[in-house]
Amino acid sequence: MNGGFDQGRRGSSGGFVALWSTRDIVVAAVLSVVVGVVFWGWGLLWSAFFQAIPFPSSYFVVGMWMVGGVLVPYVIRKPGAAVVGEVAAAFVSMLLVNQWGAWTMVSGVVQGVGAELVFALFLYRRYPLGVLLLAGAVAGFLSLVLDTFVYGYYQAFVFSAIAAAAGISALSGAVLGGGLSKLLGDALERTGVLSGLAIARAKQAERAARIAQREDSSGVGSLPGPGGREG
């Protein structure tokens, strides 16, 4: 991942784009399109089933709409990836025609920024499960804040119900947005299709470290003794 920052310094005149390789852009675009189709399909399920769930319990399912803002940065690991992933996926969902229209883009921006803030907090250097869960949770929480004003929750519900919805939305964002993105990203990396990307380099380094640790452990107690024999 440090290579991304080095590349950005070497090509600082290019600004944000210098941080992203062509492969980063292509993979981010492909992932965003796929996630956008999933967003659209999730919207159909919302219209058919989920919206019948009473408030605030209906927010247990909103975490799926946070995947774009967590999966793409987990794979790409570059500044701006959360916003790009979430907004691009929202745009695809809107193009396929959903019930929210242009508000889909507003949600995408808010959710993407929420996740982006978490990755920025860790300087785009750490992507363990805990960070992914936190990114999904913040995105989910801000999604509820937006909905509270867009749909007038502050007029229709008491504060305790809205607070419960905020907690549920954050939990759903963490589990579906963060946890699911972790599973998907790791599964894709194991297939080899993400070779050369930041996630693949990080996983390779982790595997090499584990192998070295096992070799070091197995070598303890088998060093040559004074007489040349193994002790």
Protein backbone atom coordinates (compact mmCIF):
# COMPACT_ATOMS: atom_id res chain seq x y z
CA MET A 1 0.00 0.00 0.00
CA ASN A 2 2.95 2.30 0.64
CA GLY A 3 3.68 1.90 -3.03
CA GLY A 4 0.46 3.79 -3.72
CA PHE A 5 1.72 6.74 -1.70
CA ASP A 6 5.15 6.56 -3.33
CA GLN A 7 3.51 6.56 -6.72
CA GLY A 8 1.42 9.55 -5.68
CA ARG A 9 4.53 11.46 -4.61
CA ARG A 10 6.40 10.66 -7.78
CA GLY A 11 3.41 11.79 -9.85
CA SER A 12 2.22 14.55 -7.57
CA SER A 13 1.53 16.81 -10.52
CA GLY A 14 -1.25 14.43 -11.47
CA GLY A 15 -2.93 14.80 -8.07
CA PHE A 16 -5.59 12.25 -7.15
CA VAL A 17 -5.33 10.31 -10.42
CA ALA A 18 -1.62 9.70 -9.86
CA LEU A 19 -2.48 7.54 -6.85
CA TRP A 20 -4.55 5.18 -9.00
CA SER A 21 -3.13 2.85 -11.62
CA THR A 22 -5.11 1.99 -14.74
CA ARG A 23 -5.79 -1.45 -13.26
CA ASP A 24 -7.09 0.16 -10.07
CA ILE A 25 -9.54 2.24 -12.09
CA VAL A 26 -10.72 -0.68 -14.20
CA VAL A 27 -11.23 -3.03 -11.24
CA ALA A 28 -12.98 -0.31 -9.22
CA ALA A 29 -15.30 0.36 -12.16
CA VAL A 30 -16.14 -3.32 -12.63
CA LEU A 31 -16.78 -3.85 -8.92
CA SER A 32 -18.92 -0.71 -8.75
CA VAL A 33 -21.07 -1.81 -11.66
CA VAL A 34 -21.64 -5.25 -10.16
CA VAL A 35 -22.42 -3.77 -6.75
CA GLY A 36 -24.74 -1.25 -8.40
CA VAL A 37 -26.76 -4.09 -9.93
CA VAL A 38 -26.93 -5.67 -6.47
CA PHE A 39 -28.11 -2.34 -5.04
CA TRP A 40 -30.85 -2.22 -7.65
CA GLY A 41 -31.93 -5.80 -6.90
CA TRP A 42 -31.91 -5.07 -3.17
CA GLY A 43 -34.18 -2.12 -3.90
CA LEU A 44 -36.64 -4.45 -5.60
CA LEU A 45 -36.63 -6.66 -2.52
CA TRP A 46 -37.17 -3.57 -0.40
CA SER A 47 -40.25 -2.62 -2.40
CA ALA A 48 -41.62 -6.15 -2.39
CA PHE A 49 -40.87 -7.22 1.18
CA PHE A 50 -38.55 -5.16 3.36
CA GLN A 51 -40.54 -1.93 3.47
CA ALA A 52 -43.35 -3.85 5.17
CA ILE A 53 -41.08 -4.31 8.18
CA PRO A 54 -42.01 -1.68 10.79
CA PHE A 55 -39.66 1.16 11.69
CA PRO A 56 -36.98 0.96 13.05
CA SER A 57 -36.53 -2.79 12.43
CA SER A 58 -36.57 -2.20 8.67
CA TYR A 59 -33.06 -0.76 9.02
CA PHE A 60 -31.63 -4.20 9.72
CA VAL A 61 -31.37 -4.71 5.95
CA VAL A 62 -29.92 -1.37 4.81
CA GLY A 63 -26.33 -2.48 5.30
CA MET A 64 -26.29 -4.07 1.86
CA TRP A 65 -26.29 -0.55 0.41
CA MET A 66 -22.94 0.14 2.13
CA VAL A 67 -20.99 -2.56 0.27
CA GLY A 68 -19.75 -0.27 -2.51
CA GLY A 69 -18.11 2.06 0.00
CA VAL A 70 -16.26 -0.78 1.76
CA LEU A 71 -15.53 -3.47 -0.85
CA VAL A 72 -13.89 -1.17 -3.40
CA PRO A 73 -11.49 0.48 -0.92
CA TYR A 74 -10.73 -2.91 0.64
CA VAL A 75 -9.56 -4.12 -2.77
CA ILE A 76 -7.99 -0.93 -4.15
CA ARG A 77 -6.68 0.61 -0.90
CA LYS A 78 -6.26 4.10 -2.30
CA PRO A 79 -7.64 7.49 -1.19
CA GLY A 80 -11.08 8.20 -2.61
CA ALA A 81 -11.95 4.55 -3.24
CA ALA A 82 -14.86 4.52 -0.78
CA VAL A 83 -16.53 7.55 -2.33
CA VAL A 84 -15.88 6.29 -5.86
CA GLY A 85 -17.19 2.80 -5.11
CA GLU A 86 -20.35 3.92 -3.34
CA VAL A 87 -21.25 6.78 -5.67
CA ALA A 88 -20.58 4.78 -8.84
CA ALA A 89 -22.67 1.87 -7.56
CA ALA A 90 -25.47 4.28 -6.63
CA PHE A 91 -25.31 5.76 -10.12
CA VAL A 92 -25.67 2.32 -11.72
CA SER A 93 -28.62 1.55 -9.44
CA MET A 94 -30.27 4.83 -10.42
CA LEU A 95 -29.70 4.20 -14.14
CA LEU A 96 -31.45 0.84 -13.85
CA VAL A 97 -34.44 2.81 -12.50
CA ASN A 98 -35.27 2.46 -8.84
CA GLN A 99 -37.91 4.02 -6.62
CA TRP A 100 -35.61 6.72 -5.16
CA GLY A 101 -34.38 8.38 -8.35
CA ALA A 102 -31.84 11.17 -7.85
CA TRP A 103 -31.90 10.69 -4.07
CA THR A 104 -29.94 7.51 -4.72
CA MET A 105 -26.96 9.67 -5.65
CA VAL A 106 -27.30 11.77 -2.52
CA SER A 107 -27.32 8.62 -0.39
CA GLY A 108 -24.31 7.32 -2.29
CA VAL A 109 -22.33 10.47 -1.54
CA VAL A 110 -23.25 10.50 2.16
CA GLN A 111 -22.55 6.79 2.65
CA GLY A 112 -19.34 6.94 0.62
CA VAL A 113 -18.04 9.91 2.58
CA GLY A 114 -18.87 8.14 5.84
CA ALA A 115 -16.80 5.11 4.91
CA GLU A 116 -14.04 7.28 3.42
CA LEU A 117 -13.62 9.15 6.71
CA VAL A 118 -12.82 5.90 8.51
CA PHE A 119 -10.19 4.79 5.98
CA ALA A 120 -8.69 8.29 6.07
CA LEU A 121 -8.57 8.10 9.88
CA PHE A 122 -6.24 5.13 9.50
CA LEU A 123 -4.27 6.96 6.76
CA TYR A 124 -5.32 4.37 4.16
CA ARG A 125 -2.81 1.95 5.67
CA ARG A 126 -4.92 -0.46 7.70
CA TYR A 127 -7.69 -2.71 6.38
CA PRO A 128 -8.35 -5.38 9.03
CA LEU A 129 -11.87 -6.58 9.71
CA GLY A 130 -12.35 -4.07 12.52
CA VAL A 131 -11.70 -1.11 10.23
CA LEU A 132 -14.08 -2.50 7.60
CA LEU A 133 -16.79 -3.00 10.21
CA LEU A 134 -16.30 0.56 11.47
CA ALA A 135 -16.44 1.97 7.93
CA GLY A 136 -19.71 0.14 7.26
CA ALA A 137 -21.12 1.25 10.61
CA VAL A 138 -20.34 4.93 10.04
CA ALA A 139 -21.80 4.77 6.53
CA GLY A 140 -24.93 3.13 7.92
CA PHE A 141 -25.29 5.69 10.68
CA LEU A 142 -24.98 8.63 8.28
CA SER A 143 -27.49 6.97 5.98
CA LEU A 144 -30.03 7.05 8.79
CA VAL A 145 -29.20 10.69 9.57
CA LEU A 146 -29.91 11.58 5.94
CA ASP A 147 -33.15 9.60 5.90
CA THR A 148 -34.29 11.29 9.11
CA PHE A 149 -34.39 14.63 7.32
CA VAL A 150 -35.39 13.42 3.85
CA TYR A 151 -38.34 11.36 5.07
CA GLY A 152 -39.25 13.49 8.09
CA TYR A 153 -38.56 10.87 10.74
CA TYR A 154 -38.04 13.67 13.26
CA GLN A 155 -41.72 14.55 12.80
CA ALA A 156 -43.15 11.03 12.54
CA PHE A 157 -41.26 9.20 15.32
CA VAL A 158 -40.06 9.83 18.84
CA PHE A 159 -36.37 10.34 19.48
CA SER A 160 -35.91 6.90 21.05
CA ALA A 161 -37.19 5.21 17.88
CA ILE A 162 -34.86 7.26 15.69
CA ALA A 163 -31.93 6.51 18.02
CA ALA A 164 -32.77 2.80 17.80
CA ALA A 165 -32.88 3.07 14.01
CA ALA A 166 -29.45 4.74 14.07
CA GLY A 167 -28.00 1.88 16.09
CA ILE A 168 -29.65 -0.74 13.90
CA SER A 169 -28.48 0.98 10.71
CA ALA A 170 -24.92 1.15 12.04
CA LEU A 171 -25.05 -2.53 13.01
CA SER A 172 -26.41 -3.51 9.62
CA GLY A 173 -23.77 -1.39 7.91
CA ALA A 174 -21.06 -3.10 9.92
CA VAL A 175 -22.29 -6.65 9.29
CA LEU A 176 -23.61 -6.46 5.73
CA GLY A 177 -21.48 -3.58 4.51
CA GLY A 178 -18.23 -4.33 6.34
CA GLY A 179 -18.33 -8.05 7.06
CA LEU A 180 -19.73 -9.08 3.70
CA SER A 181 -17.19 -6.90 1.88
CA LYS A 182 -14.40 -8.64 3.79
CA LEU A 183 -15.71 -12.06 2.75
CA LEU A 184 -16.18 -11.03 -0.89
CA GLY A 185 -12.81 -9.31 -1.15
CA ASP A 186 -10.95 -12.27 0.33
CA ALA A 187 -12.81 -14.72 -1.89
CA LEU A 188 -11.96 -12.70 -5.01
CA GLU A 189 -8.33 -12.41 -3.96
CA ARG A 190 -8.01 -16.19 -3.58
CA THR A 191 -9.15 -16.71 -7.17
CA GLY A 192 -6.19 -14.67 -8.44
CA VAL A 193 -8.26 -12.14 -10.39
CA LEU A 194 -6.99 -9.34 -8.16
CA SER A 195 -3.30 -10.15 -8.63
CA GLY A 196 -1.11 -7.07 -8.68
CA LEU A 197 -3.59 -4.99 -6.69
CA ALA A 198 -3.02 -3.72 -3.17
CA ILE A 199 -5.16 -6.41 -1.55
CA ALA A 200 -3.19 -9.17 -3.30
CA ARG A 201 0.15 -7.67 -2.28
CA ALA A 202 -1.01 -7.37 1.31
CA LYS A 203 -2.27 -10.96 1.41
CA GLN A 204 0.98 -12.24 -0.12
CA ALA A 205 2.96 -10.38 2.53
CA GLU A 206 0.76 -11.88 5.26
CA ARG A 207 1.26 -15.41 3.89
CA ALA A 208 5.02 -14.91 3.64
CA ALA A 209 5.12 -13.66 7.23
CA ARG A 210 3.17 -16.69 8.46
CA ILE A 211 5.47 -19.08 6.59
CA ALA A 212 8.56 -17.37 8.01
CA GLN A 213 7.08 -17.53 11.49
CA ARG A 214 6.38 -21.27 11.15
CA GLU A 215 9.90 -21.88 9.87
CA ASP A 216 11.38 -19.93 12.76
CA SER A 217 9.25 -21.91 15.23
CA SER A 218 10.15 -25.27 13.73
CA GLY A 219 13.86 -24.38 13.84
CA VAL A 220 13.89 -23.83 17.61
CA GLY A 221 15.56 -26.71 19.44
CA SER A 222 17.18 -28.15 16.29
CA LEU A 223 20.23 -25.86 16.11
CA PRO A 224 23.65 -27.62 15.92
CA GLY A 225 25.23 -28.26 19.33
CA PRO A 226 28.88 -27.75 20.32
CA GLY A 227 29.91 -31.04 18.78
CA GLY A 228 28.17 -30.33 15.52
CA ARG A 229 25.22 -32.55 16.44
CA GLU A 230 21.73 -31.17 16.59
CA GLY A 231 20.71 -30.37 20.14
